[in-house]
C-alpha atoms as a PDB file:
ATOM      1  CA  MET A   1      89.110  91.867 104.888  1.00  0.00           C
ATOM      2  CA  MET A   2      87.162  92.196 108.079  1.00  0.00           C
ATOM      3  CA  LEU A   3      89.997  93.330 110.325  1.00  0.00           C
ATOM      4  CA  ARG A   4      89.443  96.864 111.583  1.00  0.00           C
ATOM      5  CA  VAL A   5      92.076  99.365 112.641  1.00  0.00           C
ATOM      6  CA  GLU A   6      91.306 101.067 115.953  1.00  0.00           C
ATOM      7  CA  ARG A   7      93.931 103.782 115.537  1.00  0.00           C
ATOM      8  CA  ILE A   8      97.208 104.513 113.808  1.00  0.00           C
ATOM      9  CA  LEU A   9     100.349 105.463 115.692  1.00  0.00           C
ATOM     10  CA  ASP A  10     102.514 108.015 113.935  1.00  0.00           C
ATOM     11  CA  GLU A  11     105.701 105.937 113.958  1.00  0.00           C
ATOM     12  CA  ALA A  12     107.812 103.947 111.537  1.00  0.00           C
ATOM     13  CA  VAL A  13     107.930 100.181 111.985  1.00  0.00           C
ATOM     14  CA  ALA A  14     110.932  98.041 111.104  1.00  0.00           C
ATOM     15  CA  SER A  15     110.081  94.866 109.219  1.00  0.00           C
ATOM     16  CA  VAL A  16     111.907  91.659 108.402  1.00  0.00           C
ATOM     17  CA  LYS A  17     110.824  89.932 105.208  1.00  0.00           C
ATOM     18  CA  ASN A  18     111.212  86.269 104.402  1.00  0.00           C
ATOM     19  CA  SER A  19     110.451  84.225 101.323  1.00  0.00           C
ATOM     20  CA  ASP A  20     110.709  80.458 100.954  1.00  0.00           C
ATOM     21  CA  SER A  21     108.978  77.517  99.281  1.00  0.00           C
ATOM     22  CA  TYR A  22     106.510  76.749 102.099  1.00  0.00           C
ATOM     23  CA  VAL A  23     105.283  80.232 103.035  1.00  0.00           C
ATOM     24  CA  PRO A  24     106.155  82.255  99.965  1.00  0.00           C
ATOM     25  CA  ILE A  25     106.020  85.600 101.752  1.00  0.00           C
ATOM     26  CA  SER A  26     106.102  86.591 105.400  1.00  0.00           C
ATOM     27  CA  VAL A  27     106.837  89.943 106.980  1.00  0.00           C
ATOM     28  CA  LYS A  28     107.564  90.205 110.705  1.00  0.00           C
ATOM     29  CA  TYR A  29     107.364  93.272 112.931  1.00  0.00           C
ATOM     30  CA  LEU A  30     109.574  92.224 115.824  1.00  0.00           C
ATOM     31  CA  ASN A  31     109.169  95.454 117.815  1.00  0.00           C
ATOM     32  CA  ASN A  32     105.367  95.089 117.810  1.00  0.00           C
ATOM     33  CA  ASP A  33     105.417  91.856 119.769  1.00  0.00           C
ATOM     34  CA  ASP A  34     104.947  91.483 123.514  1.00  0.00           C
ATOM     35  CA  LYS A  35     108.540  91.337 124.756  1.00  0.00           C
ATOM     36  CA  TYR A  36     107.711  88.655 127.345  1.00  0.00           C
ATOM     37  CA  SER A  37     105.076  86.707 125.357  1.00  0.00           C
ATOM     38  CA  LEU A  38     102.581  87.073 128.192  1.00  0.00           C
ATOM     39  CA  GLY A  39      99.428  87.625 126.172  1.00  0.00           C
ATOM     40  CA  GLY A  40      99.781  85.281 123.242  1.00  0.00           C
ATOM     41  CA  ILE A  41      99.063  85.789 119.586  1.00  0.00           C
ATOM     42  CA  PHE A  42      95.760  86.101 117.753  1.00  0.00           C
ATOM     43  CA  HIS A  43      95.502  84.869 114.143  1.00  0.00           C
ATOM     44  CA  HIS A  44      93.108  86.426 111.638  1.00  0.00           C
ATOM     45  CA  GLY A  45      93.126  84.436 108.401  1.00  0.00           C
ATOM     46  CA  TRP A  46      91.562  85.097 105.011  1.00  0.00           C
ATOM     47  CA  LEU A  47      90.940  82.276 102.538  1.00  0.00           C
ATOM     48  CA  ASN A  48      89.928  83.086  98.967  1.00  0.00           C
ATOM     49  CA  HIS A  49      88.178  81.110  96.221  1.00  0.00           C
ATOM     50  CA  GLN A  50      91.484  79.707  94.941  1.00  0.00           C
ATOM     51  CA  THR A  51      92.553  78.582  98.430  1.00  0.00           C
ATOM     52  CA  SER A  52      95.268  81.186  98.695  1.00  0.00           C
ATOM     53  CA  PHE A  53      95.650  82.281 102.277  1.00  0.00           C
ATOM     54  CA  VAL A  54      96.616  85.440 104.186  1.00  0.00           C
ATOM     55  CA  ASP A  55      97.364  85.197 107.918  1.00  0.00           C
ATOM     56  CA  VAL A  56      97.696  88.265 110.128  1.00  0.00           C
ATOM     57  CA  LYS A  57      99.140  87.733 113.609  1.00  0.00           C
ATOM     58  CA  VAL A  58      98.256  90.276 116.291  1.00  0.00           C
ATOM     59  CA  SER A  59      99.782  90.531 119.784  1.00  0.00           C
ATOM     60  CA  ALA A  60      97.176  90.192 122.538  1.00  0.00           C
ATOM     61  CA  MET A  61      99.162  92.588 124.727  1.00  0.00           C
ATOM     62  CA  THR A  62     100.004  95.355 122.251  1.00  0.00           C
ATOM     63  CA  ASN A  63      97.115  94.920 119.736  1.00  0.00           C
ATOM     64  CA  LYS A  64      99.758  95.493 117.042  1.00  0.00           C
ATOM     65  CA  ILE A  65     100.431  93.354 113.984  1.00  0.00           C
ATOM     66  CA  THR A  66     103.435  91.114 114.600  1.00  0.00           C
ATOM     67  CA  GLU A  67     103.478  89.171 111.312  1.00  0.00           C
ATOM     68  CA  VAL A  68     101.684  88.887 107.976  1.00  0.00           C
ATOM     69  CA  SER A  69     102.060  85.773 105.813  1.00  0.00           C
ATOM     70  CA  ILE A  70     100.651  84.935 102.418  1.00  0.00           C
ATOM     71  CA  VAL A  71     100.457  81.460 100.877  1.00  0.00           C
ATOM     72  CA  LEU A  72      99.746  81.288  97.158  1.00  0.00           C
ATOM     73  CA  MET A  73      98.164  77.878  96.561  1.00  0.00           C
ATOM     74  CA  ASN A  74      97.041  78.372  92.950  1.00  0.00           C
ATOM     75  CA  ALA A  75      97.578  80.722  90.054  1.00  0.00           C
ATOM     76  CA  VAL A  76      97.373  84.405  90.776  1.00  0.00           C
ATOM     77  CA  ASP A  77      94.524  86.502  89.392  1.00  0.00           C
ATOM     78  CA  ALA A  78      94.823  88.916  86.517  1.00  0.00           C
ATOM     79  CA  VAL A  79      94.031  92.427  87.685  1.00  0.00           C
ATOM     80  CA  GLU A  80      93.588  95.328  85.319  1.00  0.00           C
ATOM     81  CA  THR A  81      95.956  98.284  85.611  1.00  0.00           C
ATOM     82  CA  LEU A  82      92.875 100.378  86.373  1.00  0.00           C
ATOM     83  CA  GLU A  83      92.331  98.369  89.578  1.00  0.00           C
ATOM     84  CA  ILE A  84      95.913  99.034  90.685  1.00  0.00           C
ATOM     85  CA  GLU A  85      95.512 102.749  89.879  1.00  0.00           C
ATOM     86  CA  ARG A  86      92.498 102.881  92.257  1.00  0.00           C
ATOM     87  CA  LEU A  87      94.984 102.247  95.064  1.00  0.00           C
ATOM     88  CA  ASP A  88      96.616 105.622  94.502  1.00  0.00           C
ATOM     89  CA  VAL A  89      95.141 107.117  97.676  1.00  0.00           C
ATOM     90  CA  PRO A  90      96.692 109.312 100.384  1.00  0.00           C
ATOM     91  CA  GLY A  91      99.330 107.424 102.306  1.00  0.00           C
ATOM     92  CA  ARG A  92     101.530 107.743 105.332  1.00  0.00           C
ATOM     93  CA  VAL A  93     103.877 105.735 107.502  1.00  0.00           C
ATOM     94  CA  GLY A  94     102.307 104.373 110.663  1.00  0.00           C
ATOM     95  CA  ASN A  95     101.834 101.496 113.070  1.00  0.00           C
ATOM     96  CA  LEU A  96      98.372  99.940 113.186  1.00  0.00           C
ATOM     97  CA  ILE A  97      96.541  99.237 116.437  1.00  0.00           C
ATOM     98  CA  ILE A  98      93.926  96.563 115.722  1.00  0.00           C
ATOM     99  CA  ASP A  99      90.355  96.545 117.045  1.00  0.00           C
ATOM    100  CA  MET A 100      90.338  93.183 118.854  1.00  0.00           C
ATOM    101  CA  THR A 101      86.555  92.730 118.609  1.00  0.00           C
ATOM    102  CA  ALA A 102      87.156  91.085 115.210  1.00  0.00           C
ATOM    103  CA  PHE A 103      88.459  88.022 117.027  1.00  0.00           C
ATOM    104  CA  GLU A 104      85.097  87.386 118.696  1.00  0.00           C
ATOM    105  CA  GLY A 105      86.837  85.980 121.778  1.00  0.00           C
ATOM    106  CA  GLU A 106      88.752  83.378 119.728  1.00  0.00           C
ATOM    107  CA  HIS A 107      92.511  83.216 119.237  1.00  0.00           C
ATOM    108  CA  VAL A 108      92.115  81.928 115.667  1.00  0.00           C
ATOM    109  CA  VAL A 109      89.575  83.388 113.237  1.00  0.00           C
ATOM    110  CA  ARG A 110      89.289  82.216 109.619  1.00  0.00           C
ATOM    111  CA  LYS A 111      87.143  84.087 107.106  1.00  0.00           C
ATOM    112  CA  ASN A 112      86.233  83.241 103.531  1.00  0.00           C
ATOM    113  CA  ILE A 113      86.835  86.564 101.825  1.00  0.00           C
ATOM    114  CA  ASP A 114      86.421  87.356  98.141  1.00  0.00           C
ATOM    115  CA  PHE A 115      89.915  88.675  97.419  1.00  0.00           C
ATOM    116  CA  CYS A 116      92.376  88.287  94.591  1.00  0.00           C
ATOM    117  CA  ILE A 117      96.126  87.995  94.549  1.00  0.00           C
ATOM    118  CA  THR A 118      98.155  89.431  91.722  1.00  0.00           C
ATOM    119  CA  LEU A 119     101.776  90.243  90.885  1.00  0.00           C
ATOM    120  CA  LYS A 120     102.698  93.532  89.234  1.00  0.00           C
ATOM    121  CA  ASP A 121     105.763  95.760  89.190  1.00  0.00           C
ATOM    122  CA  GLU A 122     107.661  93.546  91.660  1.00  0.00           C
ATOM    123  CA  LYS A 123     104.829  93.782  94.180  1.00  0.00           C
ATOM    124  CA  VAL A 124     102.328  91.231  95.418  1.00  0.00           C
ATOM    125  CA  TYR A 125      98.775  92.519  95.831  1.00  0.00           C
ATOM    126  CA  ALA A 126      96.103  90.878  97.997  1.00  0.00           C
ATOM    127  CA  LEU A 127      92.993  92.934  97.310  1.00  0.00           C
ATOM    128  CA  GLN A 128      89.404  92.513  98.378  1.00  0.00           C
ATOM    129  CA  LYS A 129      87.186  92.318  95.274  1.00  0.00           C
ATOM    130  CA  THR A 130      84.826  95.066  96.477  1.00  0.00           C
ATOM    131  CA  LEU A 131      87.681  97.393  97.322  1.00  0.00           C
ATOM    132  CA  GLU A 132      86.990 101.007  98.291  1.00  0.00           C
ATOM    133  CA  ALA A 133      90.448 102.404  99.021  1.00  0.00           C
ATOM    134  CA  HIS A 134      90.455 105.401 101.342  1.00  0.00           C
ATOM    135  CA  GLU A 135      93.931 105.447 102.908  1.00  0.00           C
ATOM    136  CA  LYS A 136      97.258 103.622 102.624  1.00  0.00           C
ATOM    137  CA  ILE A 137      99.409 102.970 105.707  1.00  0.00           C
ATOM    138  CA  SER A 138     103.006 101.834 105.126  1.00  0.00           C
ATOM    139  CA  MET A 139     104.543  99.429 107.614  1.00  0.00           C
ATOM    140  CA  GLY A 140     107.933  98.383 106.284  1.00  0.00           C
ATOM    141  CA  ASN A 141     107.436  95.983 103.361  1.00  0.00           C
ATOM    142  CA  ILE A 142     103.624  96.132 103.413  1.00  0.00           C
ATOM    143  CA  ASP A 143     101.191  98.884 102.533  1.00  0.00           C
ATOM    144  CA  PHE A 144      97.845  98.307 104.262  1.00  0.00           C
ATOM    145  CA  ILE A 145      94.871  99.610 102.263  1.00  0.00           C
ATOM    146  CA  LEU A 146      92.025 100.858 104.479  1.00  0.00           C
ATOM    147  CA  ASP A 147      88.451 101.719 103.546  1.00  0.00           C
ATOM    148  CA  ALA A 148      86.541 104.701 104.984  1.00  0.00           C
ATOM    149  CA  GLN A 149      85.565 102.620 108.061  1.00  0.00           C
ATOM    150  CA  SER A 150      89.242 101.726 108.757  1.00  0.00           C
ATOM    151  CA  ASN A 151      88.821  98.090 107.678  1.00  0.00           C
ATOM    152  CA  ILE A 152      91.837  96.476 106.034  1.00  0.00           C
ATOM    153  CA  VAL A 153      90.686  95.796 102.452  1.00  0.00           C
ATOM    154  CA  GLY A 154      94.033  95.192 100.791  1.00  0.00           C
ATOM    155  CA  LEU A 155      97.717  94.488 101.256  1.00  0.00           C
ATOM    156  CA  ILE A 156     100.604  95.426  98.977  1.00  0.00           C
ATOM    157  CA  PHE A 157     103.824  93.507  99.616  1.00  0.00           C
ATOM    158  CA  SER A 158     106.893  95.297  98.231  1.00  0.00           C
ATOM    159  CA  GLY A 159     110.514  94.319  97.994  1.00  0.00           C
ATOM    160  CA  PHE A 160     109.693  90.953  96.420  1.00  0.00           C
ATOM    161  CA  THR A 161     110.176  90.064  92.772  1.00  0.00           C
ATOM    162  CA  GLU A 162     107.734  88.323  90.438  1.00  0.00           C
ATOM    163  CA  GLU A 163     109.912  85.207  90.401  1.00  0.00           C
END
């Protein structure tokens, strides 16, 4: 999804999840934010063919993810169980430090990415269509799927029901 991880800190991250009618799912990482809001927030957004939208907020001071939101504008995609099984890769708990070069000097970056969104087993999956899962990093209510180059290629939101 075109956002690259620079490194992974070996630490657990507390998350706060929220679900409502406007932004169906958002997960905040309050401890990852700049305590004094000195550096601002960078937004990296992914828009798919069905106009569903994923927004990742990154602190300019800490280079850590402070919030991930997903807006489901249209029907979710059907994904075969085989696709979900491909996500069974080595995993660990960690805190992602983002490579800020993806922002190209802009505070807001929007990318048209070929990804699908599906619901299965009380989880919401946002997966890049050409997914090559290499590693899974758990940050509270989200598992970040990384490829071999440490790009984020998928997100698994847990703790939410299919309703």
